C-alpha atoms as a PDB file:
ATOM      1  CA  MET A   1      68.695  25.434 -20.355  1.00  0.00           C
ATOM      2  CA  SER A   2      68.441  22.250 -21.088  1.00  0.00           C
ATOM      3  CA  ILE A   3      67.845  20.085 -23.988  1.00  0.00           C
ATOM      4  CA  ARG A   4      66.005  16.826 -23.018  1.00  0.00           C
ATOM      5  CA  SER A   5      65.218  15.462 -25.803  1.00  0.00           C
ATOM      6  CA  ILE A   6      65.189  15.928 -29.819  1.00  0.00           C
ATOM      7  CA  THR A   7      61.915  14.734 -31.508  1.00  0.00           C
ATOM      8  CA  LEU A   8      62.581  13.750 -35.004  1.00  0.00           C
ATOM      9  CA  GLU A   9      59.447  12.947 -37.343  1.00  0.00           C
ATOM     10  CA  THR A  10      58.880  10.444 -39.959  1.00  0.00           C
ATOM     11  CA  SER A  11      56.628   9.373 -42.422  1.00  0.00           C
ATOM     12  CA  ASP A  12      57.751   5.975 -41.632  1.00  0.00           C
ATOM     13  CA  LEU A  13      57.690   5.193 -37.499  1.00  0.00           C
ATOM     14  CA  ALA A  14      58.843   1.769 -37.878  1.00  0.00           C
ATOM     15  CA  THR A  15      61.887   2.123 -40.036  1.00  0.00           C
ATOM     16  CA  ALA A  16      63.021   4.895 -38.197  1.00  0.00           C
ATOM     17  CA  GLN A  17      62.758   3.219 -34.774  1.00  0.00           C
ATOM     18  CA  GLU A  18      64.629   0.208 -36.383  1.00  0.00           C
ATOM     19  CA  PHE A  19      67.455   2.358 -37.262  1.00  0.00           C
ATOM     20  CA  TYR A  20      67.761   4.343 -34.193  1.00  0.00           C
ATOM     21  CA  ALA A  21      67.977   1.349 -32.293  1.00  0.00           C
ATOM     22  CA  ALA A  22      70.480  -0.320 -34.694  1.00  0.00           C
ATOM     23  CA  LEU A  23      72.596   2.603 -34.401  1.00  0.00           C
ATOM     24  CA  ASP A  24      72.537   3.147 -30.556  1.00  0.00           C
ATOM     25  CA  VAL A  25      71.446   6.505 -29.949  1.00  0.00           C
ATOM     26  CA  ALA A  26      67.466   5.682 -29.050  1.00  0.00           C
ATOM     27  CA  THR A  27      68.410   8.039 -25.455  1.00  0.00           C
ATOM     28  CA  PRO A  28      68.432  11.757 -26.203  1.00  0.00           C
ATOM     29  CA  VAL A  29      66.175  10.974 -29.768  1.00  0.00           C
ATOM     30  CA  ALA A  30      62.348  10.423 -29.730  1.00  0.00           C
ATOM     31  CA  LEU A  31      60.193  10.039 -32.724  1.00  0.00           C
ATOM     32  CA  ARG A  32      56.925  10.974 -33.869  1.00  0.00           C
ATOM     33  CA  ALA A  33      54.884  10.254 -37.067  1.00  0.00           C
ATOM     34  CA  SER A  34      54.258  13.473 -39.318  1.00  0.00           C
ATOM     35  CA  THR A  35      53.300  13.821 -42.473  1.00  0.00           C
ATOM     36  CA  ALA A  36      54.461  17.551 -43.116  1.00  0.00           C
ATOM     37  CA  PRO A  37      55.817  18.356 -46.729  1.00  0.00           C
ATOM     38  CA  THR A  38      59.602  18.090 -46.556  1.00  0.00           C
ATOM     39  CA  SER A  39      62.011  17.934 -49.294  1.00  0.00           C
ATOM     40  CA  GLY A  40      65.731  18.239 -49.814  1.00  0.00           C
ATOM     41  CA  PHE A  41      68.220  19.922 -47.154  1.00  0.00           C
ATOM     42  CA  ARG A  42      66.099  20.256 -43.826  1.00  0.00           C
ATOM     43  CA  GLY A  43      68.477  23.085 -41.927  1.00  0.00           C
ATOM     44  CA  PHE A  44      70.546  21.041 -39.678  1.00  0.00           C
ATOM     45  CA  THR A  45      72.486  18.239 -38.683  1.00  0.00           C
ATOM     46  CA  LEU A  46      72.924  15.982 -35.766  1.00  0.00           C
ATOM     47  CA  SER A  47      77.162  14.972 -34.863  1.00  0.00           C
ATOM     48  CA  LEU A  48      77.889  12.231 -32.482  1.00  0.00           C
ATOM     49  CA  LEU A  49      81.135  12.767 -31.239  1.00  0.00           C
ATOM     50  CA  VAL A  50      83.541  10.225 -30.050  1.00  0.00           C
ATOM     51  CA  PRO A  51      86.759   8.832 -28.819  1.00  0.00           C
ATOM     52  CA  GLN A  52      88.431   7.807 -31.666  1.00  0.00           C
ATOM     53  CA  PRO A  53      88.472   6.330 -35.376  1.00  0.00           C
ATOM     54  CA  SER A  54      87.418   3.276 -34.796  1.00  0.00           C
ATOM     55  CA  THR A  55      84.482   4.079 -32.822  1.00  0.00           C
ATOM     56  CA  VAL A  56      83.692   6.304 -35.959  1.00  0.00           C
ATOM     57  CA  ASP A  57      84.247   3.727 -38.651  1.00  0.00           C
ATOM     58  CA  ALA A  58      81.892   1.029 -36.276  1.00  0.00           C
ATOM     59  CA  LEU A  59      78.884   3.912 -35.721  1.00  0.00           C
ATOM     60  CA  VAL A  60      79.114   4.622 -39.764  1.00  0.00           C
ATOM     61  CA  GLY A  61      79.335   0.827 -40.705  1.00  0.00           C
ATOM     62  CA  ALA A  62      76.357   0.286 -38.265  1.00  0.00           C
ATOM     63  CA  ALA A  63      73.999   3.210 -39.839  1.00  0.00           C
ATOM     64  CA  GLN A  64      74.976   1.931 -43.386  1.00  0.00           C
ATOM     65  CA  ALA A  65      74.003  -1.723 -42.883  1.00  0.00           C
ATOM     66  CA  ALA A  66      70.721  -0.330 -40.733  1.00  0.00           C
ATOM     67  CA  GLY A  67      69.956   1.745 -44.375  1.00  0.00           C
ATOM     68  CA  ALA A  68      71.907   4.414 -44.098  1.00  0.00           C
ATOM     69  CA  THR A  69      73.151   6.801 -46.845  1.00  0.00           C
ATOM     70  CA  VAL A  70      76.790   7.929 -46.896  1.00  0.00           C
ATOM     71  CA  ARG A  71      76.942  11.593 -48.266  1.00  0.00           C
ATOM     72  CA  THR A  72      80.002  12.408 -47.014  1.00  0.00           C
ATOM     73  CA  PRO A  73      82.515   9.900 -46.749  1.00  0.00           C
ATOM     74  CA  VAL A  74      84.727   9.011 -43.786  1.00  0.00           C
ATOM     75  CA  THR A  75      87.786  10.614 -44.015  1.00  0.00           C
ATOM     76  CA  LYS A  76      91.159  12.133 -42.376  1.00  0.00           C
ATOM     77  CA  SER A  77      91.362  16.315 -42.275  1.00  0.00           C
ATOM     78  CA  PHE A  78      93.299  18.468 -40.452  1.00  0.00           C
ATOM     79  CA  TRP A  79      90.402  18.309 -37.455  1.00  0.00           C
ATOM     80  CA  GLY A  80      90.295  14.612 -37.043  1.00  0.00           C
ATOM     81  CA  TYR A  81      88.309  12.158 -38.354  1.00  0.00           C
ATOM     82  CA  GLY A  82      84.389  11.323 -39.800  1.00  0.00           C
ATOM     83  CA  GLY A  83      82.188  10.821 -42.101  1.00  0.00           C
ATOM     84  CA  VAL A  84      78.402  11.943 -42.876  1.00  0.00           C
ATOM     85  CA  VAL A  85      75.373   9.780 -43.027  1.00  0.00           C
ATOM     86  CA  GLN A  86      71.749  10.310 -43.932  1.00  0.00           C
ATOM     87  CA  ALA A  87      69.298   7.711 -42.029  1.00  0.00           C
ATOM     88  CA  PRO A  88      66.174   6.754 -43.547  1.00  0.00           C
ATOM     89  CA  ASP A  89      63.663   9.112 -42.152  1.00  0.00           C
ATOM     90  CA  GLY A  90      66.230  12.137 -43.828  1.00  0.00           C
ATOM     91  CA  ALA A  91      68.233  13.230 -40.456  1.00  0.00           C
ATOM     92  CA  LEU A  92      71.578  14.319 -41.283  1.00  0.00           C
ATOM     93  CA  TRP A  93      74.348  12.556 -38.869  1.00  0.00           C
ATOM     94  CA  LYS A  94      78.192  13.505 -38.750  1.00  0.00           C
ATOM     95  CA  VAL A  95      80.321  10.988 -36.711  1.00  0.00           C
ATOM     96  CA  ALA A  96      83.624  12.301 -35.956  1.00  0.00           C
ATOM     97  CA  THR A  97      86.526  12.239 -33.890  1.00  0.00           C
ATOM     98  CA  SER A  98      89.279  14.908 -33.006  1.00  0.00           C
ATOM     99  CA  SER A  99      91.419  11.848 -32.536  1.00  0.00           C
ATOM    100  CA  LYS A 100      93.252  10.779 -35.599  1.00  0.00           C
ATOM    101  CA  LYS A 101      94.928   8.102 -33.478  1.00  0.00           C
ATOM    102  CA  GLU A 102      92.967   4.907 -31.143  1.00  0.00           C
ATOM    103  CA  VAL A 103      93.266   6.060 -27.842  1.00  0.00           C
ATOM    104  CA  GLY A 104      92.040   2.958 -25.852  1.00  0.00           C
ATOM    105  CA  ALA A 105      89.074   4.289 -24.967  1.00  0.00           C
ATOM    106  CA  ASP A 106      85.469   1.722 -24.952  1.00  0.00           C
ATOM    107  CA  ARG A 107      85.182   1.975 -28.879  1.00  0.00           C
ATOM    108  CA  THR A 108      80.996   1.784 -28.563  1.00  0.00           C
ATOM    109  CA  ARG A 109      81.084   5.208 -26.579  1.00  0.00           C
ATOM    110  CA  ILE A 110      79.491   8.516 -27.344  1.00  0.00           C
ATOM    111  CA  ASP A 111      81.010  11.258 -26.105  1.00  0.00           C
ATOM    112  CA  ASP A 112      78.699  14.386 -27.186  1.00  0.00           C
ATOM    113  CA  VAL A 113      75.399  14.183 -29.466  1.00  0.00           C
ATOM    114  CA  VAL A 114      75.424  17.769 -31.035  1.00  0.00           C
ATOM    115  CA  LEU A 115      72.609  19.410 -32.470  1.00  0.00           C
ATOM    116  CA  LEU A 116      73.703  22.164 -35.700  1.00  0.00           C
ATOM    117  CA  LEU A 117      71.008  24.554 -36.771  1.00  0.00           C
ATOM    118  CA  GLY A 118      71.826  25.870 -39.747  1.00  0.00           C
ATOM    119  CA  VAL A 119      70.585  29.724 -39.876  1.00  0.00           C
ATOM    120  CA  GLU A 120      70.820  32.426 -42.497  1.00  0.00           C
ATOM    121  CA  ASP A 121      72.002  35.414 -39.913  1.00  0.00           C
ATOM    122  CA  VAL A 122      74.157  33.599 -37.215  1.00  0.00           C
ATOM    123  CA  LYS A 123      74.130  36.872 -35.333  1.00  0.00           C
ATOM    124  CA  ALA A 124      71.220  37.616 -35.493  1.00  0.00           C
ATOM    125  CA  SER A 125      69.476  33.660 -34.139  1.00  0.00           C
ATOM    126  CA  LYS A 126      72.623  34.519 -31.396  1.00  0.00           C
ATOM    127  CA  ARG A 127      71.095  37.076 -30.498  1.00  0.00           C
ATOM    128  CA  PHE A 128      67.452  35.447 -30.947  1.00  0.00           C
ATOM    129  CA  TYR A 129      68.670  32.549 -28.095  1.00  0.00           C
ATOM    130  CA  VAL A 130      70.709  34.838 -25.702  1.00  0.00           C
ATOM    131  CA  GLU A 131      67.266  36.834 -25.607  1.00  0.00           C
ATOM    132  CA  HIS A 132      65.787  33.502 -24.555  1.00  0.00           C
ATOM    133  CA  GLY A 133      67.879  32.473 -22.023  1.00  0.00           C
ATOM    134  CA  LEU A 134      71.031  30.745 -23.638  1.00  0.00           C
ATOM    135  CA  THR A 135      74.195  31.519 -22.704  1.00  0.00           C
ATOM    136  CA  VAL A 136      76.524  31.337 -24.870  1.00  0.00           C
ATOM    137  CA  LYS A 137      79.693  29.176 -24.694  1.00  0.00           C
ATOM    138  CA  ARG A 138      82.444  30.438 -27.661  1.00  0.00           C
ATOM    139  CA  SER A 139      81.516  32.197 -30.731  1.00  0.00           C
ATOM    140  CA  PHE A 140      83.425  32.910 -33.796  1.00  0.00           C
ATOM    141  CA  GLY A 141      81.622  36.057 -35.348  1.00  0.00           C
ATOM    142  CA  SER A 142      78.989  35.336 -38.296  1.00  0.00           C
ATOM    143  CA  LYS A 143      80.314  32.022 -39.157  1.00  0.00           C
ATOM    144  CA  TYR A 144      79.451  29.699 -35.335  1.00  0.00           C
ATOM    145  CA  VAL A 145      78.048  29.582 -32.674  1.00  0.00           C
ATOM    146  CA  GLU A 146      78.089  27.328 -29.289  1.00  0.00           C
ATOM    147  CA  PHE A 147      75.787  27.404 -26.422  1.00  0.00           C
ATOM    148  CA  ASP A 148      76.806  26.384 -22.811  1.00  0.00           C
ATOM    149  CA  ALA A 149      74.302  23.724 -21.803  1.00  0.00           C
ATOM    150  CA  PRO A 150      75.863  21.357 -19.464  1.00  0.00           C
ATOM    151  CA  ALA A 151      73.536  19.093 -18.060  1.00  0.00           C
ATOM    152  CA  SER A 152      71.430  18.973 -21.565  1.00  0.00           C
ATOM    153  CA  SER A 153      71.915  15.594 -23.542  1.00  0.00           C
ATOM    154  CA  VAL A 154      72.328  17.697 -26.605  1.00  0.00           C
ATOM    155  CA  LYS A 155      74.362  20.373 -27.313  1.00  0.00           C
ATOM    156  CA  LEU A 156      72.974  23.090 -29.253  1.00  0.00           C
ATOM    157  CA  ALA A 157      75.373  25.601 -31.483  1.00  0.00           C
ATOM    158  CA  LEU A 158      74.548  27.596 -34.902  1.00  0.00           C
ATOM    159  CA  TYR A 159      76.161  27.817 -38.029  1.00  0.00           C
ATOM    160  CA  GLY A 160      75.398  29.106 -41.469  1.00  0.00           C
ATOM    161  CA  ARG A 161      72.817  27.296 -43.081  1.00  0.00           C
ATOM    162  CA  ARG A 162      75.007  27.356 -46.558  1.00  0.00           C
ATOM    163  CA  ALA A 163      78.472  25.789 -44.606  1.00  0.00           C
ATOM    164  CA  LEU A 164      76.608  23.514 -43.225  1.00  0.00           C
ATOM    165  CA  ALA A 165      74.971  21.945 -46.173  1.00  0.00           C
ATOM    166  CA  LYS A 166      78.500  22.154 -47.664  1.00  0.00           C
ATOM    167  CA  ASP A 167      79.674  20.853 -44.832  1.00  0.00           C
ATOM    168  CA  ALA A 168      77.256  17.668 -44.684  1.00  0.00           C
ATOM    169  CA  GLY A 169      77.532  16.913 -48.545  1.00  0.00           C
ATOM    170  CA  VAL A 170      74.472  17.866 -49.845  1.00  0.00           C
ATOM    171  CA  PRO A 171      73.044  20.582 -51.832  1.00  0.00           C
ATOM    172  CA  VAL A 172      71.960  23.442 -50.112  1.00  0.00           C
ATOM    173  CA  GLU A 173      68.121  23.601 -51.294  1.00  0.00           C
ATOM    174  CA  GLY A 174      65.200  22.888 -49.269  1.00  0.00           C
ATOM    175  CA  SER A 175      61.385  23.760 -48.033  1.00  0.00           C
ATOM    176  CA  GLY A 176      58.118  22.164 -45.908  1.00  0.00           C
ATOM    177  CA  SER A 177      58.872  21.242 -42.548  1.00  0.00           C
ATOM    178  CA  HIS A 178      62.243  20.554 -40.952  1.00  0.00           C
ATOM    179  CA  ARG A 179      60.597  17.822 -39.282  1.00  0.00           C
ATOM    180  CA  ILE A 180      62.721  18.483 -35.905  1.00  0.00           C
ATOM    181  CA  ALA A 181      62.000  19.572 -32.427  1.00  0.00           C
ATOM    182  CA  LEU A 182      63.536  20.365 -29.292  1.00  0.00           C
ATOM    183  CA  VAL A 183      62.016  19.390 -26.059  1.00  0.00           C
ATOM    184  CA  SER A 184      63.700  21.355 -23.392  1.00  0.00           C
ATOM    185  CA  ASP A 185      62.768  23.618 -20.196  1.00  0.00           C
ATOM    186  CA  LEU A 186      62.546  26.288 -21.881  1.00  0.00           C
ATOM    187  CA  GLY A 187      58.957  26.496 -23.201  1.00  0.00           C
ATOM    188  CA  SER A 188      57.342  26.733 -26.489  1.00  0.00           C
ATOM    189  CA  PHE A 189      58.483  29.100 -29.153  1.00  0.00           C
ATOM    190  CA  THR A 190      59.849  28.959 -32.513  1.00  0.00           C
ATOM    191  CA  ASP A 191      63.414  30.570 -34.113  1.00  0.00           C
ATOM    192  CA  PRO A 192      63.504  32.930 -37.066  1.00  0.00           C
ATOM    193  CA  ASP A 193      64.528  30.093 -39.074  1.00  0.00           C
ATOM    194  CA  GLY A 194      60.961  27.796 -38.245  1.00  0.00           C
ATOM    195  CA  PHE A 195      63.077  25.482 -35.614  1.00  0.00           C
ATOM    196  CA  ALA A 196      60.254  24.426 -32.796  1.00  0.00           C
ATOM    197  CA  TRP A 197      60.897  24.208 -29.465  1.00  0.00           C
ATOM    198  CA  GLU A 198      58.272  22.581 -27.714  1.00  0.00           C
ATOM    199  CA  PRO A 199      57.876  22.179 -23.234  1.00  0.00           C
ATOM    200  CA  SER A 200      59.085  18.695 -22.091  1.00  0.00           C
ATOM    201  CA  THR A 201      55.581  17.515 -21.150  1.00  0.00           C
ATOM    202  CA  VAL A 202      54.768  16.944 -25.096  1.00  0.00           C
ATOM    203  CA  ALA A 203      54.930  13.547 -25.845  1.00  0.00           C
ATOM    204  CA  ALA A 204      56.434  11.399 -28.415  1.00  0.00           C
ATOM    205  CA  THR A 205      56.934   8.312 -29.085  1.00  0.00           C
ATOM    206  CA  ALA A 206      60.094   6.728 -28.097  1.00  0.00           C
END
């Protein structure tokens, strides 16, 4: 299984293009215009995993300068260092590192992009995705599942919807379109929580 990219839908395409160019994550992210109704938490977050705290600070600063809103301020925790911002298009981005110290790596490097889907029933969604050909890399009961996709530009994981909203610093309530599509080699389908998968031939505006 390979996730080629993710498509984020927005009602203001020009502003979204400017934002993601400033954030420098354009490679795995495509954009397209949409007027589909949506409100509140859209049920997903995107994470940029980076090598060190200074990279977190630089990316969060760039996001704010480009129009993002801070939802969870950057802070140290037992797992590392990071925070959550909300892009002008509404997508929630977590920027984080497991390192609490500088490691001398390239400060502009992004090690991984991770899409976390907030689902109502983690076990049921895990079963659904395994039936669609995904392989589980690690799983923690009914709380968290990460899939193995070494060739993907975006890694995929499942988390409980309420827990994901809490981690992102937003209310759990939300309705309407998720305004996201996963572009992959798995074909076209919709998962139990309404997240749409599209074949890689579907065009999007980069």
